[in-house]
PDB file of N, CA and C in Angstrom:
ATOM      1  N   MET A   1      89.970  79.934  89.886  1.00  0.00           N
ATOM      2  CA  MET A   1      90.356  80.180  91.189  1.00  0.00           C
ATOM      3  C   MET A   1      91.710  79.550  91.585  1.00  0.00           C
ATOM      4  N   LYS A   2      92.023  78.489  90.921  1.00  0.00           N
ATOM      5  CA  LYS A   2      93.285  77.834  91.257  1.00  0.00           C
ATOM      6  C   LYS A   2      94.512  78.712  91.051  1.00  0.00           C
ATOM      7  N   THR A   3      94.494  79.542  89.971  1.00  0.00           N
ATOM      8  CA  THR A   3      95.600  80.405  89.690  1.00  0.00           C
ATOM      9  C   THR A   3      95.611  81.515  90.688  1.00  0.00           C
ATOM     10  N   ARG A   4      94.455  82.046  91.141  1.00  0.00           N
ATOM     11  CA  ARG A   4      94.554  83.155  92.024  1.00  0.00           C
ATOM     12  C   ARG A   4      94.977  82.715  93.422  1.00  0.00           C
ATOM     13  N   ILE A   5      94.600  81.541  93.962  1.00  0.00           N
ATOM     14  CA  ILE A   5      95.053  81.160  95.258  1.00  0.00           C
ATOM     15  C   ILE A   5      96.521  80.867  95.214  1.00  0.00           C
ATOM     16  N   LYS A   6      97.006  80.322  94.092  1.00  0.00           N
ATOM     17  CA  LYS A   6      98.457  80.086  94.018  1.00  0.00           C
ATOM     18  C   LYS A   6      99.247  81.349  93.936  1.00  0.00           C
ATOM     19  N   ASP A   7      98.727  82.367  93.161  1.00  0.00           N
ATOM     20  CA  ASP A   7      99.414  83.607  93.025  1.00  0.00           C
ATOM     21  C   ASP A   7      99.480  84.311  94.432  1.00  0.00           C
ATOM     22  N   LEU A   8      98.380  84.335  95.182  1.00  0.00           N
ATOM     23  CA  LEU A   8      98.343  84.929  96.499  1.00  0.00           C
ATOM     24  C   LEU A   8      99.346  84.298  97.417  1.00  0.00           C
ATOM     25  N   ARG A   9      99.367  82.964  97.422  1.00  0.00           N
ATOM     26  CA  ARG A   9     100.314  82.199  98.272  1.00  0.00           C
ATOM     27  C   ARG A   9     101.739  82.521  97.903  1.00  0.00           C
ATOM     28  N   GLU A  10     102.043  82.531  96.652  1.00  0.00           N
ATOM     29  CA  GLU A  10     103.415  82.900  96.262  1.00  0.00           C
ATOM     30  C   GLU A  10     103.880  84.291  96.492  1.00  0.00           C
ATOM     31  N   ASP A  11     102.840  85.180  96.360  1.00  0.00           N
ATOM     32  CA  ASP A  11     103.110  86.604  96.679  1.00  0.00           C
ATOM     33  C   ASP A  11     103.482  86.810  98.128  1.00  0.00           C
ATOM     34  N   LYS A  12     103.033  85.971  99.007  1.00  0.00           N
ATOM     35  CA  LYS A  12     103.303  86.051 100.432  1.00  0.00           C
ATOM     36  C   LYS A  12     104.511  85.160 100.833  1.00  0.00           C
ATOM     37  N   ASP A  13     105.144  84.579  99.817  1.00  0.00           N
ATOM     38  CA  ASP A  13     106.259  83.645 100.062  1.00  0.00           C
ATOM     39  C   ASP A  13     105.920  82.527 100.972  1.00  0.00           C
ATOM     40  N   LEU A  14     104.728  81.950 100.777  1.00  0.00           N
ATOM     41  CA  LEU A  14     104.340  80.793 101.616  1.00  0.00           C
ATOM     42  C   LEU A  14     104.321  79.530 100.848  1.00  0.00           C
ATOM     43  N   GLY A  15     104.523  78.435 101.497  1.00  0.00           N
ATOM     44  CA  GLY A  15     104.425  77.112 100.833  1.00  0.00           C
ATOM     45  C   GLY A  15     103.034  76.540 101.007  1.00  0.00           C
ATOM     46  N   GLN A  16     102.795  75.510 100.235  1.00  0.00           N
ATOM     47  CA  GLN A  16     101.510  74.851 100.350  1.00  0.00           C
ATOM     48  C   GLN A  16     101.284  74.309 101.731  1.00  0.00           C
ATOM     49  N   LYS A  17     102.308  73.834 102.382  1.00  0.00           N
ATOM     50  CA  LYS A  17     102.285  73.323 103.718  1.00  0.00           C
ATOM     51  C   LYS A  17     101.744  74.366 104.725  1.00  0.00           C
ATOM     52  N   ASN A  18     102.230  75.614 104.537  1.00  0.00           N
ATOM     53  CA  ASN A  18     101.746  76.743 105.387  1.00  0.00           C
ATOM     54  C   ASN A  18     100.241  76.873 105.299  1.00  0.00           C
ATOM     55  N   LEU A  19      99.742  76.933 104.050  1.00  0.00           N
ATOM     56  CA  LEU A  19      98.275  77.085 103.875  1.00  0.00           C
ATOM     57  C   LEU A  19      97.517  75.895 104.357  1.00  0.00           C
ATOM     58  N   SER A  20      98.062  74.680 104.121  1.00  0.00           N
ATOM     59  CA  SER A  20      97.338  73.497 104.600  1.00  0.00           C
ATOM     60  C   SER A  20      97.220  73.507 106.083  1.00  0.00           C
ATOM     61  N   GLU A  21      98.169  74.009 106.775  1.00  0.00           N
ATOM     62  CA  GLU A  21      98.110  74.096 108.296  1.00  0.00           C
ATOM     63  C   GLU A  21      97.098  75.124 108.698  1.00  0.00           C
ATOM     64  N   VAL A  22      97.032  76.238 108.044  1.00  0.00           N
ATOM     65  CA  VAL A  22      96.082  77.236 108.354  1.00  0.00           C
ATOM     66  C   VAL A  22      94.650  76.746 108.143  1.00  0.00           C
ATOM     67  N   LEU A  23      94.462  75.940 107.145  1.00  0.00           N
ATOM     68  CA  LEU A  23      93.133  75.425 106.747  1.00  0.00           C
ATOM     69  C   LEU A  23      92.818  74.108 107.413  1.00  0.00           C
ATOM     70  N   ASN A  24      93.787  73.573 108.130  1.00  0.00           N
ATOM     71  CA  ASN A  24      93.630  72.293 108.799  1.00  0.00           C
ATOM     72  C   ASN A  24      93.274  71.132 107.836  1.00  0.00           C
ATOM     73  N   ILE A  25      94.009  71.094 106.754  1.00  0.00           N
ATOM     74  CA  ILE A  25      93.864  70.020 105.771  1.00  0.00           C
ATOM     75  C   ILE A  25      95.277  69.521 105.415  1.00  0.00           C
ATOM     76  N   SER A  26      95.325  68.422 104.682  1.00  0.00           N
ATOM     77  CA  SER A  26      96.651  67.904 104.304  1.00  0.00           C
ATOM     78  C   SER A  26      97.239  68.800 103.135  1.00  0.00           C
ATOM     79  N   GLN A  27      98.552  68.712 103.037  1.00  0.00           N
ATOM     80  CA  GLN A  27      99.221  69.481 101.973  1.00  0.00           C
ATOM     81  C   GLN A  27      98.798  68.929 100.597  1.00  0.00           C
ATOM     82  N   VAL A  28      98.517  67.611 100.546  1.00  0.00           N
ATOM     83  CA  VAL A  28      98.084  67.013  99.295  1.00  0.00           C
ATOM     84  C   VAL A  28      96.701  67.589  98.855  1.00  0.00           C
ATOM     85  N   ALA A  29      95.868  67.696  99.855  1.00  0.00           N
ATOM     86  CA  ALA A  29      94.433  68.262  99.582  1.00  0.00           C
ATOM     87  C   ALA A  29      94.616  69.674  99.044  1.00  0.00           C
ATOM     88  N   TYR A  30      95.478  70.455  99.706  1.00  0.00           N
ATOM     89  CA  TYR A  30      95.626  71.842  99.239  1.00  0.00           C
ATOM     90  C   TYR A  30      96.238  71.858  97.864  1.00  0.00           C
ATOM     91  N   SER A  31      97.211  71.035  97.595  1.00  0.00           N
ATOM     92  CA  SER A  31      97.791  70.983  96.230  1.00  0.00           C
ATOM     93  C   SER A  31      96.778  70.626  95.194  1.00  0.00           C
ATOM     94  N   TYR A  32      95.779  69.820  95.531  1.00  0.00           N
ATOM     95  CA  TYR A  32      94.741  69.470  94.550  1.00  0.00           C
ATOM     96  C   TYR A  32      93.874  70.676  94.287  1.00  0.00           C
ATOM     97  N   TYR A  33      93.671  71.556  95.244  1.00  0.00           N
ATOM     98  CA  TYR A  33      92.906  72.785  95.039  1.00  0.00           C
ATOM     99  C   TYR A  33      93.656  73.633  94.004  1.00  0.00           C
ATOM    100  N   GLU A  34      94.970  73.821  94.121  1.00  0.00           N
ATOM    101  CA  GLU A  34      95.727  74.663  93.238  1.00  0.00           C
ATOM    102  C   GLU A  34      95.809  73.996  91.842  1.00  0.00           C
ATOM    103  N   LEU A  35      95.797  72.697  91.778  1.00  0.00           N
ATOM    104  CA  LEU A  35      95.831  72.052  90.484  1.00  0.00           C
ATOM    105  C   LEU A  35      94.470  71.963  89.787  1.00  0.00           C
ATOM    106  N   GLY A  36      93.424  72.236  90.563  1.00  0.00           N
ATOM    107  CA  GLY A  36      92.081  72.128  90.027  1.00  0.00           C
ATOM    108  C   GLY A  36      91.560  70.774  89.973  1.00  0.00           C
ATOM    109  N   ARG A  37      92.203  69.844  90.754  1.00  0.00           N
ATOM    110  CA  ARG A  37      91.757  68.417  90.774  1.00  0.00           C
ATOM    111  C   ARG A  37      90.647  68.220  91.795  1.00  0.00           C
ATOM    112  N   ARG A  38      90.491  69.193  92.670  1.00  0.00           N
ATOM    113  CA  ARG A  38      89.442  69.045  93.696  1.00  0.00           C
ATOM    114  C   ARG A  38      88.733  70.339  93.861  1.00  0.00           C
ATOM    115  N   ASN A  39      87.453  70.254  93.969  1.00  0.00           N
ATOM    116  CA  ASN A  39      86.691  71.525  94.236  1.00  0.00           C
ATOM    117  C   ASN A  39      86.927  71.981  95.692  1.00  0.00           C
ATOM    118  N   ILE A  40      86.964  73.241  95.873  1.00  0.00           N
ATOM    119  CA  ILE A  40      87.209  73.806  97.243  1.00  0.00           C
ATOM    120  C   ILE A  40      85.867  74.041  97.939  1.00  0.00           C
ATOM    121  N   PRO A  41      85.652  73.459  99.100  1.00  0.00           N
ATOM    122  CA  PRO A  41      84.393  73.668  99.838  1.00  0.00           C
ATOM    123  C   PRO A  41      84.222  75.102 100.176  1.00  0.00           C
ATOM    124  N   VAL A  42      82.966  75.582 100.225  1.00  0.00           N
ATOM    125  CA  VAL A  42      82.653  76.957 100.471  1.00  0.00           C
ATOM    126  C   VAL A  42      83.291  77.486 101.727  1.00  0.00           C
ATOM    127  N   ASP A  43      83.264  76.696 102.869  1.00  0.00           N
ATOM    128  CA  ASP A  43      83.835  77.172 104.061  1.00  0.00           C
ATOM    129  C   ASP A  43      85.297  77.374 103.956  1.00  0.00           C
ATOM    130  N   THR A  44      85.984  76.582 103.171  1.00  0.00           N
ATOM    131  CA  THR A  44      87.428  76.694 102.943  1.00  0.00           C
ATOM    132  C   THR A  44      87.715  77.902 102.091  1.00  0.00           C
ATOM    133  N   ILE A  45      86.913  78.204 101.130  1.00  0.00           N
ATOM    134  CA  ILE A  45      87.041  79.376 100.299  1.00  0.00           C
ATOM    135  C   ILE A  45      86.982  80.631 101.147  1.00  0.00           C
ATOM    136  N   CYS A  46      86.071  80.618 102.104  1.00  0.00           N
ATOM    137  CA  CYS A  46      85.851  81.742 103.002  1.00  0.00           C
ATOM    138  C   CYS A  46      87.084  81.856 103.963  1.00  0.00           C
ATOM    139  N   LYS A  47      87.663  80.775 104.418  1.00  0.00           N
ATOM    140  CA  LYS A  47      88.858  80.798 105.219  1.00  0.00           C
ATOM    141  C   LYS A  47      90.063  81.387 104.414  1.00  0.00           C
ATOM    142  N   ILE A  48      90.182  80.948 103.183  1.00  0.00           N
ATOM    143  CA  ILE A  48      91.272  81.500 102.327  1.00  0.00           C
ATOM    144  C   ILE A  48      91.136  82.953 102.144  1.00  0.00           C
ATOM    145  N   ALA A  49      89.902  83.430 101.856  1.00  0.00           N
ATOM    146  CA  ALA A  49      89.669  84.867 101.647  1.00  0.00           C
ATOM    147  C   ALA A  49      90.025  85.664 102.938  1.00  0.00           C
ATOM    148  N   ASP A  50      89.594  85.099 104.060  1.00  0.00           N
ATOM    149  CA  ASP A  50      89.841  85.769 105.346  1.00  0.00           C
ATOM    150  C   ASP A  50      91.364  85.824 105.608  1.00  0.00           C
ATOM    151  N   PHE A  51      92.031  84.732 105.337  1.00  0.00           N
ATOM    152  CA  PHE A  51      93.508  84.626 105.554  1.00  0.00           C
ATOM    153  C   PHE A  51      94.239  85.680 104.775  1.00  0.00           C
ATOM    154  N   TYR A  52      93.899  85.888 103.539  1.00  0.00           N
ATOM    155  CA  TYR A  52      94.520  86.839 102.679  1.00  0.00           C
ATOM    156  C   TYR A  52      93.951  88.219 102.785  1.00  0.00           C
ATOM    157  N   GLY A  53      92.853  88.404 103.520  1.00  0.00           N
ATOM    158  CA  GLY A  53      92.224  89.706 103.607  1.00  0.00           C
ATOM    159  C   GLY A  53      91.612  90.255 102.344  1.00  0.00           C
ATOM    160  N   THR A  54      90.977  89.314 101.658  1.00  0.00           N
ATOM    161  CA  THR A  54      90.358  89.658 100.354  1.00  0.00           C
ATOM    162  C   THR A  54      88.860  89.102 100.395  1.00  0.00           C
ATOM    163  N   SER A  55      88.316  89.205  99.287  1.00  0.00           N
ATOM    164  CA  SER A  55      86.854  88.778  99.189  1.00  0.00           C
ATOM    165  C   SER A  55      86.806  87.422  98.466  1.00  0.00           C
ATOM    166  N   VAL A  56      85.753  86.646  98.705  1.00  0.00           N
ATOM    167  CA  VAL A  56      85.451  85.471  97.947  1.00  0.00           C
ATOM    168  C   VAL A  56      85.333  85.783  96.486  1.00  0.00           C
ATOM    169  N   ASP A  57      84.698  86.881  96.175  1.00  0.00           N
ATOM    170  CA  ASP A  57      84.487  87.223  94.755  1.00  0.00           C
ATOM    171  C   ASP A  57      85.891  87.387  94.058  1.00  0.00           C
ATOM    172  N   TYR A  58      86.866  87.939  94.753  1.00  0.00           N
ATOM    173  CA  TYR A  58      88.178  88.105  94.149  1.00  0.00           C
ATOM    174  C   TYR A  58      88.752  86.762  93.893  1.00  0.00           C
ATOM    175  N   LEU A  59      88.636  85.851  94.782  1.00  0.00           N
ATOM    176  CA  LEU A  59      89.145  84.430  94.555  1.00  0.00           C
ATOM    177  C   LEU A  59      88.508  83.800  93.368  1.00  0.00           C
ATOM    178  N   LEU A  60      87.210  84.105  93.215  1.00  0.00           N
ATOM    179  CA  LEU A  60      86.406  83.426  92.152  1.00  0.00           C
ATOM    180  C   LEU A  60      86.495  84.183  90.799  1.00  0.00           C
ATOM    181  N   TYR A  61      87.227  85.243  90.727  1.00  0.00           N
ATOM    182  CA  TYR A  61      87.422  86.051  89.508  1.00  0.00           C
ATOM    183  C   TYR A  61      86.143  86.758  89.203  1.00  0.00           C
ATOM    184  N   ARG A  62      85.343  87.080  90.170  1.00  0.00           N
ATOM    185  CA  ARG A  62      84.106  87.859  89.921  1.00  0.00           C
ATOM    186  C   ARG A  62      84.409  89.337  90.007  1.00  0.00           C
ATOM    187  N   THR A  63      85.592  89.683  90.545  1.00  0.00           N
ATOM    188  CA  THR A  63      86.029  91.081  90.572  1.00  0.00           C
ATOM    189  C   THR A  63      87.650  91.035  90.538  1.00  0.00           C
ATOM    190  N   ASP A  64      88.211  92.051  90.063  1.00  0.00           N
ATOM    191  CA  ASP A  64      89.635  92.158  90.131  1.00  0.00           C
ATOM    192  C   ASP A  64      90.139  93.106  91.214  1.00  0.00           C
ATOM    193  N   ASN A  65      89.209  93.505  92.086  1.00  0.00           N
ATOM    194  CA  ASN A  65      89.510  94.359  93.238  1.00  0.00           C
ATOM    195  C   ASN A  65      89.757  93.413  94.391  1.00  0.00           C
ATOM    196  N   PRO A  66      90.954  93.369  94.892  1.00  0.00           N
ATOM    197  CA  PRO A  66      91.302  92.477  95.999  1.00  0.00           C
ATOM    198  C   PRO A  66      90.822  92.959  97.375  1.00  0.00           C
ATOM    199  N   GLU A  67      90.311  94.101  97.474  1.00  0.00           N
ATOM    200  CA  GLU A  67      89.840  94.668  98.772  1.00  0.00           C
ATOM    201  C   GLU A  67      88.674  93.807  99.257  1.00  0.00           C
ATOM    202  N   PRO A  68      88.746  93.491 100.577  1.00  0.00           N
ATOM    203  CA  PRO A  68      87.635  92.716 101.210  1.00  0.00           C
ATOM    204  C   PRO A  68      86.378  93.608 101.374  1.00  0.00           C
ATOM    205  N   TYR A  69      85.202  92.925 101.372  1.00  0.00           N
ATOM    206  CA  TYR A  69      83.967  93.677 101.661  1.00  0.00           C
ATOM    207  C   TYR A  69      83.923  93.945 103.107  1.00  0.00           C
ATOM    208  N   PRO A  70      83.199  95.009 103.514  1.00  0.00           N
ATOM    209  CA  PRO A  70      82.998  95.333 104.955  1.00  0.00           C
ATOM    210  C   PRO A  70      82.195  94.159 105.566  1.00  0.00           C
ATOM    211  N   LYS A  71      82.503  93.817 106.751  1.00  0.00           N
ATOM    212  CA  LYS A  71      81.792  92.794 107.528  1.00  0.00           C
ATOM    213  C   LYS A  71      80.423  93.350 107.996  1.00  0.00           C
ATOM    214  N   SER A  72      79.407  92.541 107.960  1.00  0.00           N
ATOM    215  CA  SER A  72      78.132  92.914 108.477  1.00  0.00           C
ATOM    216  C   SER A  72      78.162  92.814 109.986  1.00  0.00           C
ATOM    217  N   LYS A  73      77.241  93.412 110.639  1.00  0.00           N
ATOM    218  CA  LYS A  73      77.226  93.387 112.066  1.00  0.00           C
ATOM    219  C   LYS A  73      76.935  91.936 112.556  1.00  0.00           C
ATOM    220  N   GLU A  74      76.275  91.142 111.832  1.00  0.00           N
ATOM    221  CA  GLU A  74      76.060  89.759 112.160  1.00  0.00           C
ATOM    222  C   GLU A  74      77.284  88.952 112.186  1.00  0.00           C
ATOM    223  N   GLN A  75      78.304  89.347 111.350  1.00  0.00           N
ATOM    224  CA  GLN A  75      79.523  88.551 111.316  1.00  0.00           C
ATOM    225  C   GLN A  75      80.528  88.957 112.354  1.00  0.00           C
ATOM    226  N   GLU A  76      80.320  90.072 113.041  1.00  0.00           N
ATOM    227  CA  GLU A  76      81.239  90.524 114.032  1.00  0.00           C
ATOM    228  C   GLU A  76      81.116  89.791 115.324  1.00  0.00           C
TER     229      GLU A  76
END
């Protein structure tokens, strides 16, 4: 996952600081996610997927399709 979140960030020309602000965490904590030094909490993985408009499965390499899944009525 660390490679995928880094690639998505770089594709959008964003810095780690930008993502850390979106996620409301420190830049150091975010850098640890990209380096694989810290596990990413599930709620943070969901926030990252929502921010990039993709699915959690895409971030976790369970699929190579970056398209997000449709939201259920409960999530709306």
